[in-house]
Protein backbone atom coordinates (compact mmCIF):
# COMPACT_ATOMS: atom_id res chain seq x y z
CA UNK A 1 15.32 -18.43 -69.64
CA UNK A 2 12.80 -16.35 -71.63
CA UNK A 3 12.17 -14.02 -68.70
CA UNK A 4 15.93 -13.44 -68.34
CA UNK A 5 16.29 -12.73 -72.05
CA UNK A 6 13.33 -10.34 -72.03
CA UNK A 7 14.95 -8.33 -69.23
CA UNK A 8 18.40 -8.45 -70.84
CA UNK A 9 17.22 -7.13 -74.21
CA UNK A 10 14.51 -4.80 -72.95
CA UNK A 11 16.49 -1.66 -73.79
CA UNK A 12 18.98 -3.11 -76.28
CA UNK A 13 19.76 -0.68 -79.09
CA UNK A 14 20.39 -3.39 -81.69
CA UNK A 15 18.11 -6.33 -80.90
CA UNK A 16 14.34 -6.15 -80.52
CA UNK A 17 13.13 -8.98 -78.24
CA UNK A 18 9.48 -9.26 -77.26
CA UNK A 19 7.81 -12.09 -75.35
CA UNK A 20 4.06 -12.45 -74.99
CA UNK A 21 1.71 -15.19 -73.89
CA UNK A 22 -0.08 -16.46 -76.99
CA UNK A 23 -2.31 -19.03 -75.26
CA UNK A 24 -2.24 -21.72 -72.56
CA UNK A 25 -2.09 -25.42 -73.40
CA UNK A 26 -4.78 -27.85 -72.17
CA UNK A 27 -2.29 -28.66 -69.36
CA UNK A 28 -2.20 -24.92 -68.47
CA UNK A 29 1.35 -24.44 -69.79
CA UNK A 30 2.36 -21.14 -71.36
CA UNK A 31 2.71 -21.07 -75.11
CA UNK A 32 4.74 -17.94 -75.74
CA UNK A 33 5.16 -15.92 -78.90
CA UNK A 34 8.69 -14.55 -79.15
CA UNK A 35 9.65 -11.81 -81.59
CA UNK A 36 13.38 -11.38 -82.26
CA UNK A 37 14.50 -8.78 -84.77
CA UNK A 38 16.66 -5.75 -85.29
CA UNK A 39 14.97 -2.41 -84.66
CA UNK A 40 15.32 -1.69 -88.40
CA UNK A 41 11.88 -1.11 -89.90
CA UNK A 42 10.12 -1.08 -86.52
CA UNK A 43 7.00 1.06 -86.56
CA UNK A 44 5.60 2.95 -83.60
CA UNK A 45 2.36 0.97 -83.61
CA UNK A 46 1.68 -2.40 -82.03
CA UNK A 47 0.27 -5.53 -83.60
CA UNK A 48 -3.45 -6.04 -83.14
CA UNK A 49 -5.09 -8.89 -81.28
CA UNK A 50 -5.88 -11.68 -83.74
CA UNK A 51 -8.67 -13.53 -81.97
CA UNK A 52 -10.43 -13.24 -78.63
CA UNK A 53 -9.18 -16.67 -77.51
CA UNK A 54 -5.54 -15.65 -78.03
CA UNK A 55 -3.39 -13.40 -75.85
CA UNK A 56 -5.08 -14.01 -72.49
CA UNK A 57 -2.87 -11.37 -70.87
CA UNK A 58 -4.06 -8.66 -73.28
CA UNK A 59 -5.09 -6.39 -70.41
CA UNK A 60 -1.58 -6.49 -68.89
CA UNK A 61 0.88 -7.29 -71.70
CA UNK A 62 1.35 -5.11 -74.76
CA UNK A 63 1.57 -6.69 -78.20
CA UNK A 64 4.81 -6.59 -80.17
CA UNK A 65 5.52 -3.62 -82.39
CA UNK A 66 4.74 -3.87 -86.08
CA UNK A 67 7.49 -3.75 -88.71
CA UNK A 68 7.52 -2.46 -92.25
CA UNK A 69 5.60 -4.68 -94.64
CA UNK A 70 8.56 -5.89 -96.69
CA UNK A 71 10.59 -7.14 -93.72
CA UNK A 72 10.90 -10.96 -93.97
CA UNK A 73 9.19 -13.09 -91.30
CA UNK A 74 10.35 -16.53 -90.18
CA UNK A 75 8.15 -18.66 -87.91
CA UNK A 76 9.80 -21.41 -85.84
CA UNK A 77 7.91 -23.80 -83.58
CA UNK A 78 9.10 -26.49 -81.19
CA UNK A 79 7.57 -29.21 -79.01
CA UNK A 80 4.40 -29.54 -81.01
CA UNK A 81 3.85 -33.07 -79.66
CA UNK A 82 4.54 -34.58 -76.20
CA UNK A 83 7.97 -36.11 -75.79
CA UNK A 84 9.73 -33.79 -78.20
CA UNK A 85 12.27 -32.75 -75.60
CA UNK A 86 15.13 -32.43 -78.13
CA UNK A 87 13.10 -29.70 -79.84
CA UNK A 88 13.48 -27.54 -76.71
CA UNK A 89 17.25 -27.80 -76.95
CA UNK A 90 17.12 -27.00 -80.66
CA UNK A 91 14.94 -23.93 -80.07
CA UNK A 92 17.24 -22.74 -77.27
CA UNK A 93 20.14 -23.03 -79.72
CA UNK A 94 18.29 -21.07 -82.40
CA UNK A 95 17.39 -18.30 -79.93
CA UNK A 96 21.00 -18.13 -78.71
CA UNK A 97 22.25 -17.99 -82.31
CA UNK A 98 19.84 -15.14 -83.16
CA UNK A 99 20.81 -13.13 -80.10
CA UNK A 100 24.58 -13.50 -80.40
CA UNK A 101 25.98 -10.21 -81.58
């Protein structure tokens, strides 16, 4: 689903959508960092790498663009613990809600 959304919104004039691999879980599952925003306040510079253990694809994937400092940030997480399957459905709903124009 995330790969489809990344392709769909790659050149969208209204919605900024960026997906990057933050880290891999102990079970070697991707833990992605998704940025969803309008292009309003987007700067022409990219975020820096936070720590050497994060962003294992740093040589192949660019970081998300930075935004002006006063743009609000909301962090949402899901499936923090095993068995939290309903959280996946909730997160899918939130992503769909944010992307609906």
